[in-house]
Amino acid sequence: MQEFKFNKKSDDLFKIILKLKNIKEAEAFFRDLCTISELQEMVDRWRIVRLLSENKSYRDIAKELKTSTTTVSRVASWLKNGKGGYSLALKRSGSHHSNSSSGKGLR
């Protein structure tokens, strides 16, 4: 899998995201930034993460979200072996992940 190279250009995007003040501002920004399909994919990925943190089965998640178990498996892999972003977001959202040692780098 190709590794994304973070740099000043990507930092500029993340800095502006951090300056958004509320959900309405974030909705407007992301709607302008992304296609509807891209937004739906991000929403679904985050829902998968939340459901995985509740120990739901891949099959049940796939059925509930009308996605493939391959997609659920891919998200689970990033949750377990990624850079720790999903785990950090879960922690900050108040959700509890069943495997607190998952993810790397952002603790």
PDB file of N, CA and C in Angstrom:
ATOM      1  N   MET A   1       0.846  -1.181   0.000  1.00  0.00           N
ATOM      2  CA  MET A   1       0.000   0.000   0.000  1.00  0.00           C
ATOM      3  C   MET A   1       0.894   1.248   0.000  1.00  0.00           C
ATOM      4  N   GLN A   2       0.525   2.220  -0.804  1.00  0.00           N
ATOM      5  CA  GLN A   2       1.303   3.449  -0.912  1.00  0.00           C
ATOM      6  C   GLN A   2       1.141   4.306   0.339  1.00  0.00           C
ATOM      7  N   GLU A   3       2.239   4.821   0.836  1.00  0.00           N
ATOM      8  CA  GLU A   3       2.230   5.680   2.019  1.00  0.00           C
ATOM      9  C   GLU A   3       2.029   7.127   1.578  1.00  0.00           C
ATOM     10  N   PHE A   4       1.121   7.843   2.236  1.00  0.00           N
ATOM     11  CA  PHE A   4       0.900   9.257   1.946  1.00  0.00           C
ATOM     12  C   PHE A   4       2.016  10.063   2.589  1.00  0.00           C
ATOM     13  N   LYS A   5       2.539  11.008   1.860  1.00  0.00           N
ATOM     14  CA  LYS A   5       3.603  11.874   2.383  1.00  0.00           C
ATOM     15  C   LYS A   5       2.986  13.181   2.879  1.00  0.00           C
ATOM     16  N   PHE A   6       2.957  13.356   4.190  1.00  0.00           N
ATOM     17  CA  PHE A   6       2.478  14.612   4.753  1.00  0.00           C
ATOM     18  C   PHE A   6       3.540  15.677   4.537  1.00  0.00           C
ATOM     19  N   ASN A   7       3.087  16.900   4.248  1.00  0.00           N
ATOM     20  CA  ASN A   7       4.011  17.992   3.973  1.00  0.00           C
ATOM     21  C   ASN A   7       3.320  19.317   4.272  1.00  0.00           C
ATOM     22  N   LYS A   8       3.930  20.429   3.888  1.00  0.00           N
ATOM     23  CA  LYS A   8       3.346  21.743   4.164  1.00  0.00           C
ATOM     24  C   LYS A   8       1.989  21.920   3.496  1.00  0.00           C
ATOM     25  N   LYS A   9       1.807  21.320   2.327  1.00  0.00           N
ATOM     26  CA  LYS A   9       0.516  21.434   1.638  1.00  0.00           C
ATOM     27  C   LYS A   9      -0.576  20.719   2.416  1.00  0.00           C
ATOM     28  N   SER A  10      -0.292  19.511   2.892  1.00  0.00           N
ATOM     29  CA  SER A  10      -1.299  18.794   3.676  1.00  0.00           C
ATOM     30  C   SER A  10      -1.493  19.465   5.036  1.00  0.00           C
ATOM     31  N   ASP A  11      -0.411  19.971   5.617  1.00  0.00           N
ATOM     32  CA  ASP A  11      -0.528  20.683   6.894  1.00  0.00           C
ATOM     33  C   ASP A  11      -1.471  21.871   6.767  1.00  0.00           C
ATOM     34  N   ASP A  12      -1.440  22.565   5.626  1.00  0.00           N
ATOM     35  CA  ASP A  12      -2.317  23.710   5.406  1.00  0.00           C
ATOM     36  C   ASP A  12      -3.782  23.288   5.482  1.00  0.00           C
ATOM     37  N   LEU A  13      -4.112  22.152   4.900  1.00  0.00           N
ATOM     38  CA  LEU A  13      -5.482  21.635   4.963  1.00  0.00           C
ATOM     39  C   LEU A  13      -5.866  21.315   6.404  1.00  0.00           C
ATOM     40  N   PHE A  14      -5.006  20.609   7.119  1.00  0.00           N
ATOM     41  CA  PHE A  14      -5.332  20.217   8.489  1.00  0.00           C
ATOM     42  C   PHE A  14      -5.443  21.431   9.410  1.00  0.00           C
ATOM     43  N   LYS A  15      -4.616  22.430   9.185  1.00  0.00           N
ATOM     44  CA  LYS A  15      -4.695  23.656  10.002  1.00  0.00           C
ATOM     45  C   LYS A  15      -6.035  24.353   9.824  1.00  0.00           C
ATOM     46  N   ILE A  16      -6.518  24.427   8.579  1.00  0.00           N
ATOM     47  CA  ILE A  16      -7.802  25.100   8.365  1.00  0.00           C
ATOM     48  C   ILE A  16      -8.944  24.280   8.943  1.00  0.00           C
ATOM     49  N   ILE A  17      -8.846  22.965   8.889  1.00  0.00           N
ATOM     50  CA  ILE A  17      -9.883  22.121   9.504  1.00  0.00           C
ATOM     51  C   ILE A  17      -9.943  22.399  11.009  1.00  0.00           C
ATOM     52  N   LEU A  18      -8.796  22.539  11.628  1.00  0.00           N
ATOM     53  CA  LEU A  18      -8.763  22.816  13.069  1.00  0.00           C
ATOM     54  C   LEU A  18      -9.336  24.189  13.419  1.00  0.00           C
ATOM     55  N   LYS A  19      -9.414  25.098  12.465  1.00  0.00           N
ATOM     56  CA  LYS A  19      -9.970  26.430  12.717  1.00  0.00           C
ATOM     57  C   LYS A  19     -11.495  26.481  12.570  1.00  0.00           C
ATOM     58  N   LEU A  20     -12.102  25.427  12.039  1.00  0.00           N
ATOM     59  CA  LEU A  20     -13.554  25.401  11.929  1.00  0.00           C
ATOM     60  C   LEU A  20     -14.149  25.363  13.332  1.00  0.00           C
ATOM     61  N   LYS A  21     -15.204  26.148  13.553  1.00  0.00           N
ATOM     62  CA  LYS A  21     -15.697  26.359  14.911  1.00  0.00           C
ATOM     63  C   LYS A  21     -16.856  25.478  15.339  1.00  0.00           C
ATOM     64  N   ASN A  22     -17.581  24.898  14.385  1.00  0.00           N
ATOM     65  CA  ASN A  22     -18.740  24.102  14.774  1.00  0.00           C
ATOM     66  C   ASN A  22     -19.111  23.128  13.659  1.00  0.00           C
ATOM     67  N   ILE A  23     -20.123  22.311  13.918  1.00  0.00           N
ATOM     68  CA  ILE A  23     -20.532  21.292  12.953  1.00  0.00           C
ATOM     69  C   ILE A  23     -20.998  21.926  11.649  1.00  0.00           C
ATOM     70  N   LYS A  24     -21.763  23.004  11.729  1.00  0.00           N
ATOM     71  CA  LYS A  24     -22.267  23.656  10.504  1.00  0.00           C
ATOM     72  C   LYS A  24     -21.107  24.126   9.627  1.00  0.00           C
ATOM     73  N   GLU A  25     -20.074  24.726  10.231  1.00  0.00           N
ATOM     74  CA  GLU A  25     -18.910  25.162   9.463  1.00  0.00           C
ATOM     75  C   GLU A  25     -18.193  23.967   8.839  1.00  0.00           C
ATOM     76  N   ALA A  26     -18.066  22.892   9.616  1.00  0.00           N
ATOM     77  CA  ALA A  26     -17.403  21.683   9.102  1.00  0.00           C
ATOM     78  C   ALA A  26     -18.218  21.068   7.968  1.00  0.00           C
ATOM     79  N   GLU A  27     -19.539  21.016   8.124  1.00  0.00           N
ATOM     80  CA  GLU A  27     -20.390  20.477   7.059  1.00  0.00           C
ATOM     81  C   GLU A  27     -20.210  21.276   5.769  1.00  0.00           C
ATOM     82  N   ALA A  28     -20.238  22.598   5.873  1.00  0.00           N
ATOM     83  CA  ALA A  28     -20.101  23.446   4.681  1.00  0.00           C
ATOM     84  C   ALA A  28     -18.730  23.255   4.034  1.00  0.00           C
ATOM     85  N   PHE A  29     -17.690  23.228   4.840  1.00  0.00           N
ATOM     86  CA  PHE A  29     -16.335  23.072   4.303  1.00  0.00           C
ATOM     87  C   PHE A  29     -16.166  21.726   3.613  1.00  0.00           C
ATOM     88  N   PHE A  30     -16.555  20.645   4.299  1.00  0.00           N
ATOM     89  CA  PHE A  30     -16.367  19.318   3.722  1.00  0.00           C
ATOM     90  C   PHE A  30     -17.273  19.091   2.516  1.00  0.00           C
ATOM     91  N   ARG A  31     -18.455  19.702   2.496  1.00  0.00           N
ATOM     92  CA  ARG A  31     -19.323  19.558   1.322  1.00  0.00           C
ATOM     93  C   ARG A  31     -18.694  20.235   0.106  1.00  0.00           C
ATOM     94  N   ASP A  32     -18.028  21.358   0.322  1.00  0.00           N
ATOM     95  CA  ASP A  32     -17.336  22.029  -0.780  1.00  0.00           C
ATOM     96  C   ASP A  32     -16.067  21.286  -1.178  1.00  0.00           C
ATOM     97  N   LEU A  33     -15.396  20.686  -0.217  1.00  0.00           N
ATOM     98  CA  LEU A  33     -14.122  20.011  -0.453  1.00  0.00           C
ATOM     99  C   LEU A  33     -14.289  18.647  -1.128  1.00  0.00           C
ATOM    100  N   CYS A  34     -15.314  17.904  -0.738  1.00  0.00           N
ATOM    101  CA  CYS A  34     -15.451  16.505  -1.145  1.00  0.00           C
ATOM    102  C   CYS A  34     -16.673  16.281  -2.027  1.00  0.00           C
ATOM    103  N   THR A  35     -16.614  15.198  -2.789  1.00  0.00           N
ATOM    104  CA  THR A  35     -17.806  14.762  -3.506  1.00  0.00           C
ATOM    105  C   THR A  35     -18.742  14.097  -2.501  1.00  0.00           C
ATOM    106  N   ILE A  36     -19.983  13.923  -2.900  1.00  0.00           N
ATOM    107  CA  ILE A  36     -20.940  13.244  -2.027  1.00  0.00           C
ATOM    108  C   ILE A  36     -20.458  11.830  -1.724  1.00  0.00           C
ATOM    109  N   SER A  37     -19.909  11.140  -2.726  1.00  0.00           N
ATOM    110  CA  SER A  37     -19.400   9.778  -2.509  1.00  0.00           C
ATOM    111  C   SER A  37     -18.249   9.767  -1.510  1.00  0.00           C
ATOM    112  N   GLU A  38     -17.344  10.731  -1.610  1.00  0.00           N
ATOM    113  CA  GLU A  38     -16.222  10.801  -0.667  1.00  0.00           C
ATOM    114  C   GLU A  38     -16.720  11.054   0.749  1.00  0.00           C
ATOM    115  N   LEU A  39     -17.678  11.954   0.888  1.00  0.00           N
ATOM    116  CA  LEU A  39     -18.245  12.221   2.213  1.00  0.00           C
ATOM    117  C   LEU A  39     -18.905  10.977   2.786  1.00  0.00           C
ATOM    118  N   GLN A  40     -19.685  10.284   1.960  1.00  0.00           N
ATOM    119  CA  GLN A  40     -20.368   9.086   2.437  1.00  0.00           C
ATOM    120  C   GLN A  40     -19.363   8.021   2.856  1.00  0.00           C
ATOM    121  N   GLU A  41     -18.278   7.885   2.098  1.00  0.00           N
ATOM    122  CA  GLU A  41     -17.244   6.910   2.460  1.00  0.00           C
ATOM    123  C   GLU A  41     -16.624   7.239   3.807  1.00  0.00           C
ATOM    124  N   MET A  42     -16.340   8.520   4.056  1.00  0.00           N
ATOM    125  CA  MET A  42     -15.757   8.913   5.343  1.00  0.00           C
ATOM    126  C   MET A  42     -16.733   8.685   6.483  1.00  0.00           C
ATOM    127  N   VAL A  43     -18.006   9.029   6.261  1.00  0.00           N
ATOM    128  CA  VAL A  43     -19.039   8.799   7.279  1.00  0.00           C
ATOM    129  C   VAL A  43     -19.135   7.314   7.595  1.00  0.00           C
ATOM    130  N   ASP A  44     -19.163   6.490   6.544  1.00  0.00           N
ATOM    131  CA  ASP A  44     -19.269   5.043   6.746  1.00  0.00           C
ATOM    132  C   ASP A  44     -18.046   4.485   7.469  1.00  0.00           C
ATOM    133  N   ARG A  45     -16.866   4.944   7.119  1.00  0.00           N
ATOM    134  CA  ARG A  45     -15.651   4.451   7.789  1.00  0.00           C
ATOM    135  C   ARG A  45     -15.695   4.774   9.277  1.00  0.00           C
ATOM    136  N   TRP A  46     -16.105   5.992   9.611  1.00  0.00           N
ATOM    137  CA  TRP A  46     -16.173   6.352  11.030  1.00  0.00           C
ATOM    138  C   TRP A  46     -17.240   5.524  11.739  1.00  0.00           C
ATOM    139  N   ARG A  47     -18.378   5.263  11.076  1.00  0.00           N
ATOM    140  CA  ARG A  47     -19.408   4.414  11.675  1.00  0.00           C
ATOM    141  C   ARG A  47     -18.877   3.004  11.887  1.00  0.00           C
ATOM    142  N   ILE A  48     -18.090   2.502  10.939  1.00  0.00           N
ATOM    143  CA  ILE A  48     -17.483   1.180  11.099  1.00  0.00           C
ATOM    144  C   ILE A  48     -16.576   1.169  12.325  1.00  0.00           C
ATOM    145  N   VAL A  49     -15.758   2.192  12.472  1.00  0.00           N
ATOM    146  CA  VAL A  49     -14.863   2.276  13.638  1.00  0.00           C
ATOM    147  C   VAL A  49     -15.673   2.249  14.925  1.00  0.00           C
ATOM    148  N   ARG A  50     -16.733   3.032  14.973  1.00  0.00           N
ATOM    149  CA  ARG A  50     -17.561   3.083  16.183  1.00  0.00           C
ATOM    150  C   ARG A  50     -18.179   1.714  16.492  1.00  0.00           C
ATOM    151  N   LEU A  51     -18.675   1.049  15.455  1.00  0.00           N
ATOM    152  CA  LEU A  51     -19.293  -0.266  15.651  1.00  0.00           C
ATOM    153  C   LEU A  51     -18.256  -1.322  16.033  1.00  0.00           C
ATOM    154  N   LEU A  52     -17.066  -1.242  15.449  1.00  0.00           N
ATOM    155  CA  LEU A  52     -15.984  -2.152  15.848  1.00  0.00           C
ATOM    156  C   LEU A  52     -15.628  -1.954  17.317  1.00  0.00           C
ATOM    157  N   SER A  53     -15.644  -0.712  17.762  1.00  0.00           N
ATOM    158  CA  SER A  53     -15.310  -0.426  19.166  1.00  0.00           C
ATOM    159  C   SER A  53     -16.364  -0.979  20.119  1.00  0.00           C
ATOM    160  N   GLU A  54     -17.551  -1.267  19.578  1.00  0.00           N
ATOM    161  CA  GLU A  54     -18.622  -1.886  20.367  1.00  0.00           C
ATOM    162  C   GLU A  54     -18.604  -3.403  20.232  1.00  0.00           C
ATOM    163  N   ASN A  55     -17.527  -3.921  19.626  1.00  0.00           N
ATOM    164  CA  ASN A  55     -17.336  -5.367  19.433  1.00  0.00           C
ATOM    165  C   ASN A  55     -18.395  -6.018  18.547  1.00  0.00           C
ATOM    166  N   LYS A  56     -18.964  -5.267  17.630  1.00  0.00           N
ATOM    167  CA  LYS A  56     -19.900  -5.847  16.663  1.00  0.00           C
ATOM    168  C   LYS A  56     -19.111  -6.689  15.669  1.00  0.00           C
ATOM    169  N   SER A  57     -19.742  -7.715  15.134  1.00  0.00           N
ATOM    170  CA  SER A  57     -19.063  -8.578  14.174  1.00  0.00           C
ATOM    171  C   SER A  57     -18.955  -7.882  12.815  1.00  0.00           C
ATOM    172  N   TYR A  58     -17.947  -8.283  12.052  1.00  0.00           N
ATOM    173  CA  TYR A  58     -17.759  -7.725  10.709  1.00  0.00           C
ATOM    174  C   TYR A  58     -19.028  -7.916   9.888  1.00  0.00           C
ATOM    175  N   ARG A  59     -19.598  -9.105   9.979  1.00  0.00           N
ATOM    176  CA  ARG A  59     -20.786  -9.426   9.189  1.00  0.00           C
ATOM    177  C   ARG A  59     -21.965  -8.528   9.592  1.00  0.00           C
ATOM    178  N   ASP A  60     -22.167  -8.339  10.894  1.00  0.00           N
ATOM    179  CA  ASP A  60     -23.262  -7.481  11.354  1.00  0.00           C
ATOM    180  C   ASP A  60     -23.052  -6.031  10.932  1.00  0.00           C
ATOM    181  N   ILE A  61     -21.819  -5.555  11.009  1.00  0.00           N
ATOM    182  CA  ILE A  61     -21.510  -4.183  10.595  1.00  0.00           C
ATOM    183  C   ILE A  61     -21.770  -4.026   9.100  1.00  0.00           C
ATOM    184  N   ALA A  62     -21.274  -4.963   8.316  1.00  0.00           N
ATOM    185  CA  ALA A  62     -21.463  -4.899   6.863  1.00  0.00           C
ATOM    186  C   ALA A  62     -22.943  -4.880   6.510  1.00  0.00           C
ATOM    187  N   LYS A  63     -23.724  -5.707   7.187  1.00  0.00           N
ATOM    188  CA  LYS A  63     -25.164  -5.761   6.929  1.00  0.00           C
ATOM    189  C   LYS A  63     -25.835  -4.447   7.313  1.00  0.00           C
ATOM    190  N   GLU A  64     -25.503  -3.935   8.502  1.00  0.00           N
ATOM    191  CA  GLU A  64     -26.119  -2.694   8.990  1.00  0.00           C
ATOM    192  C   GLU A  64     -25.803  -1.512   8.077  1.00  0.00           C
ATOM    193  N   LEU A  65     -24.562  -1.426   7.596  1.00  0.00           N
ATOM    194  CA  LEU A  65     -24.138  -0.283   6.788  1.00  0.00           C
ATOM    195  C   LEU A  65     -24.249  -0.525   5.291  1.00  0.00           C
ATOM    196  N   LYS A  66     -24.706  -1.725   4.938  1.00  0.00           N
ATOM    197  CA  LYS A  66     -24.842  -2.084   3.523  1.00  0.00           C
ATOM    198  C   LYS A  66     -23.516  -1.902   2.782  1.00  0.00           C
ATOM    199  N   THR A  67     -22.483  -2.498   3.369  1.00  0.00           N
ATOM    200  CA  THR A  67     -21.148  -2.472   2.782  1.00  0.00           C
ATOM    201  C   THR A  67     -20.604  -3.896   2.799  1.00  0.00           C
ATOM    202  N   SER A  68     -19.411  -4.063   2.275  1.00  0.00           N
ATOM    203  CA  SER A  68     -18.820  -5.403   2.235  1.00  0.00           C
ATOM    204  C   SER A  68     -18.030  -5.687   3.510  1.00  0.00           C
ATOM    205  N   THR A  69     -17.879  -6.963   3.809  1.00  0.00           N
ATOM    206  CA  THR A  69     -17.024  -7.332   4.940  1.00  0.00           C
ATOM    207  C   THR A  69     -15.573  -6.978   4.630  1.00  0.00           C
ATOM    208  N   THR A  70     -15.212  -6.896   3.352  1.00  0.00           N
ATOM    209  CA  THR A  70     -13.862  -6.467   2.965  1.00  0.00           C
ATOM    210  C   THR A  70     -13.608  -5.039   3.424  1.00  0.00           C
ATOM    211  N   THR A  71     -14.592  -4.159   3.235  1.00  0.00           N
ATOM    212  CA  THR A  71     -14.459  -2.775   3.692  1.00  0.00           C
ATOM    213  C   THR A  71     -14.329  -2.726   5.206  1.00  0.00           C
ATOM    214  N   VAL A  72     -15.149  -3.488   5.901  1.00  0.00           N
ATOM    215  CA  VAL A  72     -15.084  -3.532   7.367  1.00  0.00           C
ATOM    216  C   VAL A  72     -13.720  -4.045   7.802  1.00  0.00           C
ATOM    217  N   SER A  73     -13.221  -5.073   7.156  1.00  0.00           N
ATOM    218  CA  SER A  73     -11.920  -5.644   7.473  1.00  0.00           C
ATOM    219  C   SER A  73     -10.798  -4.629   7.249  1.00  0.00           C
ATOM    220  N   ARG A  74     -10.897  -3.874   6.171  1.00  0.00           N
ATOM    221  CA  ARG A  74      -9.876  -2.856   5.871  1.00  0.00           C
ATOM    222  C   ARG A  74      -9.844  -1.788   6.969  1.00  0.00           C
ATOM    223  N   VAL A  75     -11.026  -1.317   7.364  1.00  0.00           N
ATOM    224  CA  VAL A  75     -11.098  -0.313   8.435  1.00  0.00           C
ATOM    225  C   VAL A  75     -10.572  -0.906   9.740  1.00  0.00           C
ATOM    226  N   ALA A  76     -10.931  -2.147  10.030  1.00  0.00           N
ATOM    227  CA  ALA A  76     -10.446  -2.807  11.245  1.00  0.00           C
ATOM    228  C   ALA A  76      -8.929  -2.915  11.240  1.00  0.00           C
ATOM    229  N   SER A  77      -8.362  -3.172  10.075  1.00  0.00           N
ATOM    230  CA  SER A  77      -6.906  -3.270   9.956  1.00  0.00           C
ATOM    231  C   SER A  77      -6.247  -1.930  10.282  1.00  0.00           C
ATOM    232  N   TRP A  78      -6.814  -0.833   9.768  1.00  0.00           N
ATOM    233  CA  TRP A  78      -6.265   0.489  10.079  1.00  0.00           C
ATOM    234  C   TRP A  78      -6.468   0.833  11.545  1.00  0.00           C
ATOM    235  N   LEU A  79      -7.581   0.411  12.119  1.00  0.00           N
ATOM    236  CA  LEU A  79      -7.835   0.647  13.542  1.00  0.00           C
ATOM    237  C   LEU A  79      -6.780  -0.060  14.383  1.00  0.00           C
ATOM    238  N   LYS A  80      -6.450  -1.273  13.994  1.00  0.00           N
ATOM    239  CA  LYS A  80      -5.490  -2.078  14.759  1.00  0.00           C
ATOM    240  C   LYS A  80      -4.036  -1.735  14.439  1.00  0.00           C
ATOM    241  N   ASN A  81      -3.721  -1.489  13.176  1.00  0.00           N
ATOM    242  CA  ASN A  81      -2.324  -1.352  12.757  1.00  0.00           C
ATOM    243  C   ASN A  81      -1.973  -0.003  12.152  1.00  0.00           C
ATOM    244  N   GLY A  82      -2.878   0.950  12.216  1.00  0.00           N
ATOM    245  CA  GLY A  82      -2.637   2.254  11.609  1.00  0.00           C
ATOM    246  C   GLY A  82      -1.751   3.137  12.471  1.00  0.00           C
ATOM    247  N   LYS A  83      -1.878   4.419  12.298  1.00  0.00           N
ATOM    248  CA  LYS A  83      -1.059   5.400  13.016  1.00  0.00           C
ATOM    249  C   LYS A  83      -1.666   5.836  14.346  1.00  0.00           C
ATOM    250  N   GLY A  84      -2.809   5.271  14.708  1.00  0.00           N
ATOM    251  CA  GLY A  84      -3.427   5.593  15.989  1.00  0.00           C
ATOM    252  C   GLY A  84      -4.494   6.664  15.921  1.00  0.00           C
ATOM    253  N   GLY A  85      -4.770   7.160  14.723  1.00  0.00           N
ATOM    254  CA  GLY A  85      -5.760   8.226  14.576  1.00  0.00           C
ATOM    255  C   GLY A  85      -7.161   7.812  14.963  1.00  0.00           C
ATOM    256  N   TYR A  86      -7.567   6.622  14.529  1.00  0.00           N
ATOM    257  CA  TYR A  86      -8.900   6.141  14.899  1.00  0.00           C
ATOM    258  C   TYR A  86      -9.002   5.965  16.408  1.00  0.00           C
ATOM    259  N   SER A  87      -7.988   5.362  17.012  1.00  0.00           N
ATOM    260  CA  SER A  87      -8.019   5.117  18.467  1.00  0.00           C
ATOM    261  C   SER A  87      -8.061   6.424  19.236  1.00  0.00           C
ATOM    262  N   LEU A  88      -7.281   7.407  18.786  1.00  0.00           N
ATOM    263  CA  LEU A  88      -7.285   8.708  19.442  1.00  0.00           C
ATOM    264  C   LEU A  88      -8.656   9.370  19.321  1.00  0.00           C
ATOM    265  N   ALA A  89      -9.241   9.311  18.126  1.00  0.00           N
ATOM    266  CA  ALA A  89     -10.559   9.907  17.921  1.00  0.00           C
ATOM    267  C   ALA A  89     -11.616   9.210  18.776  1.00  0.00           C
ATOM    268  N   LEU A  90     -11.545   7.882  18.856  1.00  0.00           N
ATOM    269  CA  LEU A  90     -12.477   7.156  19.716  1.00  0.00           C
ATOM    270  C   LEU A  90     -12.335   7.595  21.166  1.00  0.00           C
ATOM    271  N   LYS A  91     -11.101   7.700  21.612  1.00  0.00           N
ATOM    272  CA  LYS A  91     -10.839   8.108  23.001  1.00  0.00           C
ATOM    273  C   LYS A  91     -11.413   9.495  23.265  1.00  0.00           C
ATOM    274  N   ARG A  92     -11.166  10.411  22.339  1.00  0.00           N
ATOM    275  CA  ARG A  92     -11.629  11.786  22.524  1.00  0.00           C
ATOM    276  C   ARG A  92     -13.132  11.907  22.386  1.00  0.00           C
ATOM    277  N   SER A  93     -13.749  10.979  21.662  1.00  0.00           N
ATOM    278  CA  SER A  93     -15.202  11.020  21.493  1.00  0.00           C
ATOM    279  C   SER A  93     -15.920  10.409  22.688  1.00  0.00           C
ATOM    280  N   GLY A  94     -15.155   9.784  23.581  1.00  0.00           N
ATOM    281  CA  GLY A  94     -15.748   9.143  24.741  1.00  0.00           C
ATOM    282  C   GLY A  94     -16.083   7.692  24.510  1.00  0.00           C
ATOM    283  N   SER A  95     -15.807   7.189  23.291  1.00  0.00           N
ATOM    284  CA  SER A  95     -16.036   5.775  22.994  1.00  0.00           C
ATOM    285  C   SER A  95     -14.871   4.974  23.533  1.00  0.00           C
ATOM    286  N   HIS A  96     -15.149   3.768  23.927  1.00  0.00           N
ATOM    287  CA  HIS A  96     -14.101   2.907  24.463  1.00  0.00           C
ATOM    288  C   HIS A  96     -13.813   1.800  23.476  1.00  0.00           C
ATOM    289  N   HIS A  97     -12.573   1.688  23.067  1.00  0.00           N
ATOM    290  CA  HIS A  97     -12.160   0.635  22.145  1.00  0.00           C
ATOM    291  C   HIS A  97     -11.748  -0.575  22.964  1.00  0.00           C
ATOM    292  N   SER A  98     -12.185  -1.728  22.524  1.00  0.00           N
ATOM    293  CA  SER A  98     -11.926  -2.950  23.285  1.00  0.00           C
ATOM    294  C   SER A  98     -10.454  -3.320  23.335  1.00  0.00           C
ATOM    295  N   ASN A  99      -9.673  -2.858  22.375  1.00  0.00           N
ATOM    296  CA  ASN A  99      -8.242  -3.170  22.342  1.00  0.00           C
ATOM    297  C   ASN A  99      -7.466  -1.861  22.403  1.00  0.00           C
ATOM    298  N   SER A 100      -7.206  -1.378  23.603  1.00  0.00           N
ATOM    299  CA  SER A 100      -6.589  -0.070  23.776  1.00  0.00           C
ATOM    300  C   SER A 100      -5.164  -0.011  23.264  1.00  0.00           C
ATOM    301  N   SER A 101      -4.550  -1.137  22.938  1.00  0.00           N
ATOM    302  CA  SER A 101      -3.197  -1.112  22.418  1.00  0.00           C
ATOM    303  C   SER A 101      -3.171  -0.978  20.903  1.00  0.00           C
ATOM    304  N   SER A 102      -4.344  -0.849  20.262  1.00  0.00           N
ATOM    305  CA  SER A 102      -4.369  -0.747  18.818  1.00  0.00           C
ATOM    306  C   SER A 102      -3.870   0.601  18.357  1.00  0.00           C
ATOM    307  N   GLY A 103      -3.371   0.623  17.135  1.00  0.00           N
ATOM    308  CA  GLY A 103      -2.880   1.864  16.551  1.00  0.00           C
ATOM    309  C   GLY A 103      -1.507   2.202  17.074  1.00  0.00           C
ATOM    310  N   LYS A 104      -0.828   3.054  16.301  1.00  0.00           N
ATOM    311  CA  LYS A 104       0.531   3.432  16.672  1.00  0.00           C
ATOM    312  C   LYS A 104       0.707   4.929  16.495  1.00  0.00           C
ATOM    313  N   GLY A 105       1.462   5.537  17.359  1.00  0.00           N
ATOM    314  CA  GLY A 105       1.985   6.848  17.092  1.00  0.00           C
ATOM    315  C   GLY A 105       1.242   8.050  17.633  1.00  0.00           C
ATOM    316  N   LEU A 106      -0.053   8.039  17.849  1.00  0.00           N
ATOM    317  CA  LEU A 106      -0.743   9.248  18.222  1.00  0.00           C
ATOM    318  C   LEU A 106      -1.275   9.224  19.645  1.00  0.00           C
ATOM    319  N   ARG A 107      -0.629   8.578  20.546  1.00  0.00           N
ATOM    320  CA  ARG A 107      -1.129   8.524  21.921  1.00  0.00           C
ATOM    321  C   ARG A 107      -0.754   9.733  22.697  1.00  0.00           C
TER     322      ARG A 107
END
